Amino acid sequence: MARCAKDFGGRTTMPFGLILIDVDRFKAVNDEFGHQAGDEALILLADKLKTFEASHDCHAGRLGGEEFVLGVSGIAGADLRRLGEAVRTELAKCPFDAIAPDLKITVSIGIAQGLADGPFGPLYRVADDALYAAKRAGRNRVVTVEDVSDHGAGSTFTHGAGPPHSVR
């Protein structure tokens, strides 16, 4: 997050998107395949996320545990959502079976957008709310926040499966 603030914070009129990524049911991965396989899967995911830095104005990072982030400058709205879907799809294609036969991993993604010079703390909280909405809606999906400035009770989130719903 500090890297995003440093590199993108001076872009006062540039849209900024925060894409939070959480591995679905990661405890089950560790329980079934072992912690070493879980660690190797996280490394594989991190390496795949780094590839997005080459094709987009973004920074990838690991927040901790099985949660990752992409800070993206210069795209918003439908384009940001498409990037989130591309991230979800590409992460699912990682060769996890090379780590352990039958290992399949999906991710849930929450997206918030604002301006690059805005504070990242509130944006993170909004993206985190969207991420948990993705988890509640069934996992392995992208949920975006339509209006970052109104992220309290009743904020509308949209996701890839079904109609928008409110998160309270």
C-alpha atoms as a PDB file:
ATOM      1  CA  MET A   1       0.000   0.000   0.000  1.00  0.00           C
ATOM      2  CA  ALA A   2       2.899   2.336   0.780  1.00  0.00           C
ATOM      3  CA  ARG A   3       4.338   1.598  -2.662  1.00  0.00           C
ATOM      4  CA  CYS A   4       1.022   2.539  -4.294  1.00  0.00           C
ATOM      5  CA  ALA A   5       0.787   5.763  -2.285  1.00  0.00           C
ATOM      6  CA  LYS A   6       4.359   6.691  -3.230  1.00  0.00           C
ATOM      7  CA  ASP A   7       4.088   5.868  -6.930  1.00  0.00           C
ATOM      8  CA  PHE A   8       0.496   6.858  -7.651  1.00  0.00           C
ATOM      9  CA  GLY A   9      -0.323   9.462  -4.983  1.00  0.00           C
ATOM     10  CA  GLY A  10       0.703  12.470  -7.067  1.00  0.00           C
ATOM     11  CA  ARG A  11      -1.726  11.642  -9.871  1.00  0.00           C
ATOM     12  CA  THR A  12      -4.461  13.928  -8.611  1.00  0.00           C
ATOM     13  CA  THR A  13      -7.006  13.327 -11.378  1.00  0.00           C
ATOM     14  CA  MET A  14      -6.089   9.739 -12.232  1.00  0.00           C
ATOM     15  CA  PRO A  15      -8.517   6.980 -11.289  1.00  0.00           C
ATOM     16  CA  PHE A  16      -7.117   4.387  -8.912  1.00  0.00           C
ATOM     17  CA  GLY A  17      -8.471   0.922  -8.294  1.00  0.00           C
ATOM     18  CA  LEU A  18      -7.799  -1.359  -5.381  1.00  0.00           C
ATOM     19  CA  ILE A  19      -8.272  -5.058  -6.145  1.00  0.00           C
ATOM     20  CA  LEU A  20      -8.238  -7.285  -3.061  1.00  0.00           C
ATOM     21  CA  ILE A  21      -7.777 -10.995  -3.724  1.00  0.00           C
ATOM     22  CA  ASP A  22      -8.381 -13.752  -1.192  1.00  0.00           C
ATOM     23  CA  VAL A  23      -7.797 -17.466  -1.794  1.00  0.00           C
ATOM     24  CA  ASP A  24     -11.018 -19.396  -1.318  1.00  0.00           C
ATOM     25  CA  ARG A  25     -11.021 -22.042   1.419  1.00  0.00           C
ATOM     26  CA  PHE A  26      -7.265 -21.883   1.877  1.00  0.00           C
ATOM     27  CA  LYS A  27      -7.377 -23.692   5.224  1.00  0.00           C
ATOM     28  CA  ALA A  28      -8.794 -26.711   3.383  1.00  0.00           C
ATOM     29  CA  VAL A  29      -5.840 -26.551   0.959  1.00  0.00           C
ATOM     30  CA  ASN A  30      -3.400 -26.707   3.874  1.00  0.00           C
ATOM     31  CA  ASP A  31      -5.407 -29.434   5.612  1.00  0.00           C
ATOM     32  CA  GLU A  32      -5.742 -31.661   2.548  1.00  0.00           C
ATOM     33  CA  PHE A  33      -2.443 -31.085   0.751  1.00  0.00           C
ATOM     34  CA  GLY A  34      -0.161 -29.878   3.559  1.00  0.00           C
ATOM     35  CA  HIS A  35       1.374 -26.535   4.473  1.00  0.00           C
ATOM     36  CA  GLN A  36       4.266 -26.895   2.045  1.00  0.00           C
ATOM     37  CA  ALA A  37       1.831 -27.308  -0.851  1.00  0.00           C
ATOM     38  CA  GLY A  38      -0.122 -24.303   0.453  1.00  0.00           C
ATOM     39  CA  ASP A  39       3.050 -22.213   0.587  1.00  0.00           C
ATOM     40  CA  GLU A  40       4.008 -23.276  -2.941  1.00  0.00           C
ATOM     41  CA  ALA A  41       0.521 -22.373  -4.174  1.00  0.00           C
ATOM     42  CA  LEU A  42       0.826 -18.897  -2.634  1.00  0.00           C
ATOM     43  CA  ILE A  43       4.181 -18.403  -4.376  1.00  0.00           C
ATOM     44  CA  LEU A  44       2.643 -19.491  -7.679  1.00  0.00           C
ATOM     45  CA  LEU A  45      -0.228 -17.029  -7.206  1.00  0.00           C
ATOM     46  CA  ALA A  46       2.167 -14.205  -6.303  1.00  0.00           C
ATOM     47  CA  ASP A  47       4.293 -14.895  -9.362  1.00  0.00           C
ATOM     48  CA  LYS A  48       1.208 -14.823 -11.603  1.00  0.00           C
ATOM     49  CA  LEU A  49       0.037 -11.545 -10.049  1.00  0.00           C
ATOM     50  CA  LYS A  50       3.433  -9.970 -10.787  1.00  0.00           C
ATOM     51  CA  THR A  51       2.842 -10.607 -14.504  1.00  0.00           C
ATOM     52  CA  PHE A  52       0.012  -8.060 -14.417  1.00  0.00           C
ATOM     53  CA  GLU A  53       2.545  -5.337 -13.541  1.00  0.00           C
ATOM     54  CA  ALA A  54       4.124  -5.706 -16.975  1.00  0.00           C
ATOM     55  CA  SER A  55       0.880  -5.078 -18.851  1.00  0.00           C
ATOM     56  CA  HIS A  56      -0.897  -2.625 -16.520  1.00  0.00           C
ATOM     57  CA  ASP A  57       0.053   0.411 -14.471  1.00  0.00           C
ATOM     58  CA  CYS A  58      -0.225  -1.480 -11.194  1.00  0.00           C
ATOM     59  CA  HIS A  59       1.596  -2.915  -8.195  1.00  0.00           C
ATOM     60  CA  ALA A  60       0.988  -6.403  -6.862  1.00  0.00           C
ATOM     61  CA  GLY A  61       1.627  -7.393  -3.273  1.00  0.00           C
ATOM     62  CA  ARG A  62       0.793  -9.851  -0.547  1.00  0.00           C
ATOM     63  CA  LEU A  63      -1.098  -8.380   2.377  1.00  0.00           C
ATOM     64  CA  GLY A  64      -0.629 -11.439   4.549  1.00  0.00           C
ATOM     65  CA  GLY A  65      -1.892 -14.971   4.857  1.00  0.00           C
ATOM     66  CA  GLU A  66      -3.701 -15.807   1.651  1.00  0.00           C
ATOM     67  CA  GLU A  67      -4.678 -12.218   0.780  1.00  0.00           C
ATOM     68  CA  PHE A  68      -3.144 -10.253  -2.084  1.00  0.00           C
ATOM     69  CA  VAL A  69      -3.662  -6.799  -3.567  1.00  0.00           C
ATOM     70  CA  LEU A  70      -3.324  -5.058  -6.906  1.00  0.00           C
ATOM     71  CA  GLY A  71      -3.185  -1.268  -6.837  1.00  0.00           C
ATOM     72  CA  VAL A  72      -4.112  -0.095 -10.338  1.00  0.00           C
ATOM     73  CA  SER A  73      -3.726   3.393 -11.765  1.00  0.00           C
ATOM     74  CA  GLY A  74      -5.464   4.771 -14.829  1.00  0.00           C
ATOM     75  CA  ILE A  75      -8.451   2.476 -15.281  1.00  0.00           C
ATOM     76  CA  ALA A  76     -11.899   2.578 -13.729  1.00  0.00           C
ATOM     77  CA  GLY A  77     -15.440   1.303 -14.082  1.00  0.00           C
ATOM     78  CA  ALA A  78     -16.046  -1.561 -16.501  1.00  0.00           C
ATOM     79  CA  ASP A  79     -12.365  -1.722 -17.461  1.00  0.00           C
ATOM     80  CA  LEU A  80     -11.365  -2.182 -13.828  1.00  0.00           C
ATOM     81  CA  ARG A  81     -13.968  -4.911 -13.439  1.00  0.00           C
ATOM     82  CA  ARG A  82     -12.673  -6.644 -16.583  1.00  0.00           C
ATOM     83  CA  LEU A  83      -9.185  -6.570 -15.104  1.00  0.00           C
ATOM     84  CA  GLY A  84     -10.535  -8.123 -11.896  1.00  0.00           C
ATOM     85  CA  GLU A  85     -12.199 -10.891 -13.911  1.00  0.00           C
ATOM     86  CA  ALA A  86      -8.975 -11.443 -15.875  1.00  0.00           C
ATOM     87  CA  VAL A  87      -7.047 -11.738 -12.610  1.00  0.00           C
ATOM     88  CA  ARG A  88      -9.572 -14.251 -11.225  1.00  0.00           C
ATOM     89  CA  THR A  89      -9.491 -16.320 -14.409  1.00  0.00           C
ATOM     90  CA  GLU A  90      -5.702 -16.294 -14.775  1.00  0.00           C
ATOM     91  CA  LEU A  91      -5.118 -17.247 -11.154  1.00  0.00           C
ATOM     92  CA  ALA A  92      -7.432 -20.243 -11.539  1.00  0.00           C
ATOM     93  CA  LYS A  93      -5.333 -21.379 -14.531  1.00  0.00           C
ATOM     94  CA  CYS A  94      -2.119 -21.623 -12.499  1.00  0.00           C
ATOM     95  CA  PRO A  95      -0.605 -25.122 -12.728  1.00  0.00           C
ATOM     96  CA  PHE A  96      -1.496 -26.163  -9.181  1.00  0.00           C
ATOM     97  CA  ASP A  97      -1.493 -29.831 -10.169  1.00  0.00           C
ATOM     98  CA  ALA A  98       2.300 -29.570 -10.474  1.00  0.00           C
ATOM     99  CA  ILE A  99       2.291 -28.899  -6.721  1.00  0.00           C
ATOM    100  CA  ALA A 100      -0.214 -31.611  -5.815  1.00  0.00           C
ATOM    101  CA  PRO A 101      -2.447 -33.743  -8.037  1.00  0.00           C
ATOM    102  CA  ASP A 102      -6.075 -32.588  -7.936  1.00  0.00           C
ATOM    103  CA  LEU A 103      -5.178 -29.254  -6.294  1.00  0.00           C
ATOM    104  CA  LYS A 104      -7.572 -26.590  -7.554  1.00  0.00           C
ATOM    105  CA  ILE A 105      -7.634 -23.056  -6.231  1.00  0.00           C
ATOM    106  CA  THR A 106     -10.081 -20.224  -6.804  1.00  0.00           C
ATOM    107  CA  VAL A 107     -10.078 -16.679  -5.495  1.00  0.00           C
ATOM    108  CA  SER A 108     -12.658 -14.115  -4.463  1.00  0.00           C
ATOM    109  CA  ILE A 109     -12.035 -10.499  -5.411  1.00  0.00           C
ATOM    110  CA  GLY A 110     -13.308  -7.190  -4.067  1.00  0.00           C
ATOM    111  CA  ILE A 111     -12.739  -3.978  -6.015  1.00  0.00           C
ATOM    112  CA  ALA A 112     -13.041  -0.332  -4.999  1.00  0.00           C
ATOM    113  CA  GLN A 113     -12.088   2.737  -6.977  1.00  0.00           C
ATOM    114  CA  GLY A 114     -11.230   6.295  -6.179  1.00  0.00           C
ATOM    115  CA  LEU A 115      -8.547   8.809  -7.112  1.00  0.00           C
ATOM    116  CA  ALA A 116      -4.834   8.111  -6.855  1.00  0.00           C
ATOM    117  CA  ASP A 117      -4.249  11.042  -4.505  1.00  0.00           C
ATOM    118  CA  GLY A 118      -7.005  10.021  -2.082  1.00  0.00           C
ATOM    119  CA  PRO A 119      -6.375   8.237   1.207  1.00  0.00           C
ATOM    120  CA  PHE A 120      -5.949   4.503   0.723  1.00  0.00           C
ATOM    121  CA  GLY A 121      -7.321   3.471   4.143  1.00  0.00           C
ATOM    122  CA  PRO A 122     -10.987   4.178   3.353  1.00  0.00           C
ATOM    123  CA  LEU A 123     -10.559   2.696  -0.132  1.00  0.00           C
ATOM    124  CA  TYR A 124      -9.120  -0.476   1.416  1.00  0.00           C
ATOM    125  CA  ARG A 125     -12.101  -0.789   3.774  1.00  0.00           C
ATOM    126  CA  VAL A 126     -14.519  -0.472   0.855  1.00  0.00           C
ATOM    127  CA  ALA A 127     -12.620  -3.058  -1.211  1.00  0.00           C
ATOM    128  CA  ASP A 128     -12.557  -5.353   1.837  1.00  0.00           C
ATOM    129  CA  ASP A 129     -16.347  -5.015   2.176  1.00  0.00           C
ATOM    130  CA  ALA A 130     -16.671  -5.964  -1.509  1.00  0.00           C
ATOM    131  CA  LEU A 131     -14.347  -8.937  -0.974  1.00  0.00           C
ATOM    132  CA  TYR A 132     -16.500 -10.242   1.868  1.00  0.00           C
ATOM    133  CA  ALA A 133     -19.591  -9.722  -0.286  1.00  0.00           C
ATOM    134  CA  ALA A 134     -17.912 -11.956  -2.907  1.00  0.00           C
ATOM    135  CA  LYS A 135     -17.308 -14.607  -0.247  1.00  0.00           C
ATOM    136  CA  ARG A 136     -20.915 -14.448   0.964  1.00  0.00           C
ATOM    137  CA  ALA A 137     -22.224 -14.621  -2.608  1.00  0.00           C
ATOM    138  CA  GLY A 138     -20.551 -17.984  -3.173  1.00  0.00           C
ATOM    139  CA  ARG A 139     -16.812 -17.342  -3.712  1.00  0.00           C
ATOM    140  CA  ASN A 140     -14.843 -17.534  -6.969  1.00  0.00           C
ATOM    141  CA  ARG A 141     -16.239 -14.203  -8.157  1.00  0.00           C
ATOM    142  CA  VAL A 142     -15.512 -10.498  -8.477  1.00  0.00           C
ATOM    143  CA  VAL A 143     -17.530  -7.882  -6.605  1.00  0.00           C
ATOM    144  CA  THR A 144     -17.097  -4.188  -7.373  1.00  0.00           C
ATOM    145  CA  VAL A 145     -18.201  -1.153  -5.436  1.00  0.00           C
ATOM    146  CA  GLU A 146     -20.217   1.167  -7.623  1.00  0.00           C
ATOM    147  CA  ASP A 147     -19.942   4.277  -5.476  1.00  0.00           C
ATOM    148  CA  VAL A 148     -16.926   4.497  -3.168  1.00  0.00           C
ATOM    149  CA  SER A 149     -18.102   7.749  -1.585  1.00  0.00           C
ATOM    150  CA  ASP A 150     -21.242   6.056  -0.212  1.00  0.00           C
ATOM    151  CA  HIS A 151     -19.921   2.807   1.209  1.00  0.00           C
ATOM    152  CA  GLY A 152     -21.935   2.638   4.404  1.00  0.00           C
ATOM    153  CA  ALA A 153     -25.063   0.623   5.023  1.00  0.00           C
ATOM    154  CA  GLY A 154     -26.953   0.024   1.845  1.00  0.00           C
ATOM    155  CA  SER A 155     -23.977   0.428  -0.487  1.00  0.00           C
ATOM    156  CA  THR A 156     -24.526  -1.387  -3.740  1.00  0.00           C
ATOM    157  CA  PHE A 157     -22.086  -4.057  -4.829  1.00  0.00           C
ATOM    158  CA  THR A 158     -22.248  -5.890  -8.135  1.00  0.00           C
ATOM    159  CA  HIS A 159     -20.842  -9.302  -8.778  1.00  0.00           C
ATOM    160  CA  GLY A 160     -20.408 -11.676 -11.665  1.00  0.00           C
ATOM    161  CA  ALA A 161     -23.265 -14.025 -10.805  1.00  0.00           C
ATOM    162  CA  GLY A 162     -26.761 -12.651 -10.361  1.00  0.00           C
ATOM    163  CA  PRO A 163     -28.147  -9.178  -9.669  1.00  0.00           C
ATOM    164  CA  PRO A 164     -26.496  -6.496  -7.531  1.00  0.00           C
ATOM    165  CA  HIS A 165     -27.181  -6.772  -3.839  1.00  0.00           C
ATOM    166  CA  SER A 166     -26.769  -4.533  -0.830  1.00  0.00           C
ATOM    167  CA  VAL A 167     -24.281  -5.164   1.921  1.00  0.00           C
ATOM    168  CA  ARG A 168     -25.234  -4.091   5.418  1.00  0.00           C
END
